[in-house]
Amino acid sequence: MKKTLIIFIALLYVIPASSQIFQKRNRRNVDNLPTFDEPLIHYGFYLGLNQNDFKVNLRPSNFPNASVEVKPTTGFNVGLIADLRLHKNINFRFEPGLVSNSKTIYFNHLATARDSVREIGSTYLHLPLVLKFSSDRWNNVRPYVLAGVSYDHNFSSNQDNSDDNFSGEFRMKTTNFMYEVGIGIDIYLNFFKLSPSIRGVFAMNRELVDDNNPNSPWTSPINTFSTRGIFLNFAFE
């Protein structure tokens, strides 16, 4: 995903620059969807990829050699878009969707494979409220930045399970609150607008449910445990 981020940022600079050069070379330039941004409200949908892991900070415990490592895999996003125009350069967006991903957590200070590895698969209802700040349109492209907050409901949560890591259950909270920031570019095509964007998503709360035993070798060494991730979305509007 780091390589994807670098390529995407490079494209944000290359596409507008290429568009300006193309305009200079072609006097009869045609703007696609010239009135697209005029309606007060419009709708769309998005598809995308994500890579979520956990920010983990440790605290003093009875396990001075504690070491926790998270290895994420690439998941997918899908959702809808409702866009409200507040100003010619500012839009307010509601983007409800589903986010699915998985992580493997390694507790390197535990000796046996049964104890040291936990597989976490999660599906979230992702409900972001986002402000989108766009530049003026350059021919058929329009860069933007966005920022917002979101609520996540973890359908895979086992928060209320009485079993914990001593029974092989790594428990996660059901409710999470996030903030997100990102960049993207609107590309006006003949029949629709394509908007690739990349954003960072960060949890504001601790998502871990501690084990019942306060001296648990799994949870007692962990202070901060919260999601951080990268979303690569392709919106069709």
Protein backbone atom coordinates (compact mmCIF):
# COMPACT_ATOMS: atom_id res chain seq x y z
CA MET A 1 0.00 0.00 0.00
CA LYS A 2 2.95 2.38 0.53
CA LYS A 3 3.88 2.04 -3.15
CA THR A 4 0.24 2.67 -4.09
CA LEU A 5 0.25 5.85 -1.99
CA ILE A 6 3.38 7.17 -3.72
CA ILE A 7 2.00 6.42 -7.19
CA PHE A 8 -1.36 8.01 -6.37
CA ILE A 9 0.22 11.24 -5.07
CA ALA A 10 2.38 11.42 -8.19
CA LEU A 11 -0.73 11.07 -10.36
CA LEU A 12 -2.37 13.99 -8.56
CA TYR A 13 0.40 16.20 -9.86
CA VAL A 14 0.84 14.63 -13.28
CA ILE A 15 -2.82 14.57 -14.40
CA PRO A 16 -3.58 18.29 -13.84
CA ALA A 17 -0.24 19.28 -15.39
CA SER A 18 -0.90 17.08 -18.42
CA SER A 19 -4.38 18.56 -18.74
CA GLN A 20 -3.01 22.11 -18.85
CA ILE A 21 -0.48 21.15 -21.52
CA PHE A 22 -3.23 19.46 -23.53
CA GLN A 23 -5.38 22.60 -23.32
CA LYS A 24 -2.59 24.75 -24.68
CA ARG A 25 -2.04 22.41 -27.62
CA ASN A 26 -5.74 22.05 -28.46
CA ARG A 27 -7.72 25.22 -29.00
CA ARG A 28 -10.99 23.33 -29.45
CA ASN A 29 -11.04 21.89 -25.98
CA VAL A 30 -14.27 20.17 -24.83
CA ASP A 31 -15.38 20.17 -21.19
CA ASN A 32 -17.20 16.99 -20.23
CA LEU A 33 -20.28 17.31 -18.00
CA PRO A 34 -20.05 21.13 -17.80
CA THR A 35 -23.02 21.48 -15.42
CA PHE A 36 -22.27 18.46 -13.23
CA ASP A 37 -21.39 20.50 -10.13
CA GLU A 38 -24.42 22.80 -10.25
CA PRO A 39 -27.15 20.63 -8.56
CA LEU A 40 -27.53 21.03 -4.81
CA ILE A 41 -27.50 17.26 -4.20
CA HIS A 42 -26.15 14.35 -6.17
CA TYR A 43 -25.47 10.67 -5.50
CA GLY A 44 -22.96 7.99 -6.37
CA PHE A 45 -21.18 4.90 -5.13
CA TYR A 46 -17.62 3.81 -4.47
CA LEU A 47 -15.45 0.71 -4.56
CA GLY A 48 -12.02 0.40 -3.06
CA LEU A 49 -9.27 -1.33 -1.16
CA ASN A 50 -7.99 -0.86 2.34
CA GLN A 51 -5.14 -1.93 4.54
CA ASN A 52 -5.90 -1.53 8.23
CA ASP A 53 -3.59 -2.39 11.07
CA PHE A 54 -3.45 -1.38 14.73
CA LYS A 55 -1.38 1.27 16.44
CA VAL A 56 0.02 -0.56 19.47
CA ASN A 57 1.81 1.10 22.38
CA LEU A 58 2.90 -0.93 25.37
CA ARG A 59 2.87 -0.04 29.08
CA PRO A 60 4.76 -1.37 32.11
CA SER A 61 3.51 -4.80 33.18
CA ASN A 62 4.61 -8.09 34.65
CA PHE A 63 5.98 -8.95 31.20
CA PRO A 64 9.02 -6.68 30.66
CA ASN A 65 9.94 -8.47 27.43
CA ALA A 66 6.48 -7.99 25.90
CA SER A 67 6.43 -7.57 22.11
CA VAL A 68 3.27 -7.26 19.99
CA GLU A 69 3.36 -7.16 16.18
CA VAL A 70 0.46 -6.67 13.77
CA LYS A 71 0.49 -7.84 10.14
CA PRO A 72 -2.46 -6.61 8.05
CA THR A 73 -3.82 -7.91 4.76
CA THR A 74 -5.57 -5.97 2.01
CA GLY A 75 -9.35 -5.75 2.34
CA PHE A 76 -12.14 -4.11 0.34
CA ASN A 77 -14.60 -1.20 0.70
CA VAL A 78 -17.95 -0.64 -0.95
CA GLY A 79 -20.54 2.03 -0.28
CA LEU A 80 -22.86 4.82 -1.37
CA ILE A 81 -22.39 8.60 -1.63
CA ALA A 82 -24.77 11.45 -0.89
CA ASP A 83 -23.19 14.81 -1.73
CA LEU A 84 -24.54 18.22 -0.65
CA ARG A 85 -23.06 21.33 -2.30
CA LEU A 86 -22.42 24.01 0.36
CA HIS A 87 -20.30 26.28 -1.83
CA LYS A 88 -18.80 26.05 -5.28
CA ASN A 89 -15.62 24.68 -3.67
CA ILE A 90 -17.03 22.93 -0.57
CA ASN A 91 -19.21 19.82 -0.38
CA PHE A 92 -20.59 17.89 2.57
CA ARG A 93 -20.71 14.14 2.01
CA PHE A 94 -22.25 11.12 3.70
CA GLU A 95 -20.56 7.91 2.55
CA PRO A 96 -22.08 4.84 4.28
CA GLY A 97 -20.42 1.58 3.39
CA LEU A 98 -19.00 -1.77 4.38
CA VAL A 99 -15.32 -2.34 5.12
CA SER A 100 -13.83 -5.81 5.41
CA ASN A 101 -10.27 -6.75 6.35
CA SER A 102 -8.19 -9.09 8.48
CA LYS A 103 -5.11 -8.86 10.65
CA THR A 104 -2.74 -11.29 12.31
CA ILE A 105 -1.43 -10.34 15.75
CA TYR A 106 1.78 -11.88 17.03
CA PHE A 107 2.55 -11.89 20.76
CA ASN A 108 6.25 -12.54 20.38
CA HIS A 109 6.86 -12.89 24.13
CA LEU A 110 4.67 -16.00 24.31
CA ALA A 111 6.32 -19.32 23.57
CA THR A 112 3.70 -21.54 21.93
CA ALA A 113 2.05 -20.96 18.53
CA ARG A 114 -1.39 -21.49 20.08
CA ASP A 115 -0.83 -18.60 22.48
CA SER A 116 1.29 -16.27 20.38
CA VAL A 117 -0.91 -15.85 17.28
CA ARG A 118 -4.39 -14.37 16.97
CA GLU A 119 -6.28 -14.03 13.67
CA ILE A 120 -8.67 -11.06 13.55
CA GLY A 121 -11.22 -10.86 10.74
CA SER A 122 -13.55 -7.87 10.80
CA THR A 123 -16.46 -6.44 8.84
CA TYR A 124 -17.46 -2.87 9.69
CA LEU A 125 -20.41 -0.67 8.94
CA HIS A 126 -18.52 2.53 8.13
CA LEU A 127 -20.49 5.80 8.44
CA PRO A 128 -18.32 8.82 7.58
CA LEU A 129 -19.32 12.48 7.42
CA VAL A 130 -16.81 14.29 5.24
CA LEU A 131 -16.08 17.83 4.09
CA LYS A 132 -14.60 17.98 0.60
CA PHE A 133 -12.61 21.09 -0.36
CA SER A 134 -12.09 21.31 -4.13
CA SER A 135 -10.01 23.61 -6.29
CA ASP A 136 -11.54 25.33 -9.29
CA ARG A 137 -12.05 22.99 -12.22
CA TRP A 138 -9.18 22.68 -14.71
CA ASN A 139 -10.69 21.42 -17.94
CA ASN A 140 -11.84 17.91 -16.99
CA VAL A 141 -10.00 17.47 -13.69
CA ARG A 142 -10.46 18.96 -10.23
CA PRO A 143 -8.13 18.10 -7.29
CA TYR A 144 -9.48 18.13 -3.76
CA VAL A 145 -8.69 17.43 -0.13
CA LEU A 146 -11.11 16.01 2.40
CA ALA A 147 -11.45 15.62 6.15
CA GLY A 148 -14.11 14.14 8.37
CA VAL A 149 -15.19 11.87 11.20
CA SER A 150 -16.85 8.49 11.14
CA TYR A 151 -18.60 5.90 13.25
CA ASP A 152 -17.74 2.23 12.80
CA HIS A 153 -19.85 -0.69 13.96
CA ASN A 154 -17.88 -3.93 14.08
CA PHE A 155 -20.18 -6.79 13.06
CA SER A 156 -17.45 -9.26 14.01
CA SER A 157 -17.07 -7.90 17.54
CA ASN A 158 -17.05 -10.39 20.42
CA GLN A 159 -17.04 -7.69 23.09
CA ASP A 160 -19.69 -9.40 25.23
CA ASN A 161 -18.14 -12.86 25.03
CA SER A 162 -17.26 -14.12 28.50
CA ASP A 163 -14.33 -16.09 27.05
CA ASP A 164 -11.05 -14.25 26.55
CA ASN A 165 -7.53 -15.00 25.35
CA PHE A 166 -7.13 -17.78 27.92
CA SER A 167 -9.79 -19.55 25.84
CA GLY A 168 -8.38 -18.36 22.52
CA GLU A 169 -10.76 -15.38 22.12
CA PHE A 170 -9.21 -12.00 21.30
CA ARG A 171 -11.98 -9.51 22.05
CA MET A 172 -12.62 -6.24 20.21
CA LYS A 173 -15.08 -3.44 20.93
CA THR A 174 -18.23 -3.09 18.85
CA THR A 175 -18.23 0.71 18.54
CA ASN A 176 -15.38 2.84 17.21
CA PHE A 177 -15.04 6.51 16.39
CA MET A 178 -12.59 7.61 13.70
CA TYR A 179 -11.21 10.65 11.97
CA GLU A 180 -9.97 10.67 8.40
CA VAL A 181 -8.08 12.91 6.01
CA GLY A 182 -7.30 12.45 2.35
CA ILE A 183 -6.64 13.76 -1.12
CA GLY A 184 -8.15 12.96 -4.48
CA ILE A 185 -9.02 14.17 -7.93
CA ASP A 186 -12.30 14.45 -9.84
CA ILE A 187 -12.03 13.32 -13.46
CA TYR A 188 -14.99 14.38 -15.64
CA LEU A 189 -15.68 11.75 -18.29
CA ASN A 190 -18.34 11.73 -21.00
CA PHE A 191 -21.13 10.15 -18.94
CA PHE A 192 -20.00 10.19 -15.29
CA LYS A 193 -17.40 11.57 -12.91
CA LEU A 194 -14.64 9.26 -11.67
CA SER A 195 -13.02 10.30 -8.37
CA PRO A 196 -10.06 8.27 -7.12
CA SER A 197 -8.99 9.23 -3.61
CA ILE A 198 -6.69 8.01 -0.91
CA ARG A 199 -7.26 8.69 2.76
CA GLY A 200 -5.87 7.84 6.15
CA VAL A 201 -8.32 6.59 8.78
CA PHE A 202 -7.47 6.70 12.49
CA ALA A 203 -9.43 5.47 15.53
CA MET A 204 -9.92 7.85 18.45
CA ASN A 205 -10.67 5.16 21.04
CA ARG A 206 -8.98 2.05 22.43
CA GLU A 207 -10.53 -0.93 20.65
CA LEU A 208 -9.17 -3.72 22.79
CA VAL A 209 -11.31 -5.47 25.41
CA ASP A 210 -9.02 -6.50 28.26
CA ASP A 211 -8.93 -10.07 29.45
CA ASN A 212 -10.69 -10.94 32.68
CA ASN A 213 -7.38 -11.55 34.43
CA PRO A 214 -5.66 -8.16 35.00
CA ASN A 215 -2.26 -9.87 34.65
CA SER A 216 -3.07 -11.39 31.26
CA PRO A 217 0.07 -11.85 29.13
CA TRP A 218 -1.96 -10.76 26.11
CA THR A 219 -3.70 -7.56 27.19
CA SER A 220 -1.99 -6.29 30.36
CA PRO A 221 1.12 -5.06 28.44
CA ILE A 222 -1.01 -3.13 25.90
CA ASN A 223 -1.80 0.53 26.45
CA THR A 224 -2.85 1.93 23.06
CA PHE A 225 -4.64 -0.37 20.64
CA SER A 226 -6.48 1.46 17.87
CA THR A 227 -7.04 1.17 14.14
CA ARG A 228 -5.01 3.08 11.61
CA GLY A 229 -5.42 2.43 7.94
CA ILE A 230 -5.23 3.53 4.32
CA PHE A 231 -8.29 3.56 2.07
CA LEU A 232 -7.97 3.70 -1.73
CA ASN A 233 -11.44 4.50 -3.12
CA PHE A 234 -12.80 4.92 -6.64
CA ALA A 235 -16.04 6.91 -6.62
CA PHE A 236 -18.49 6.90 -9.51
CA GLU A 237 -20.89 9.85 -9.53
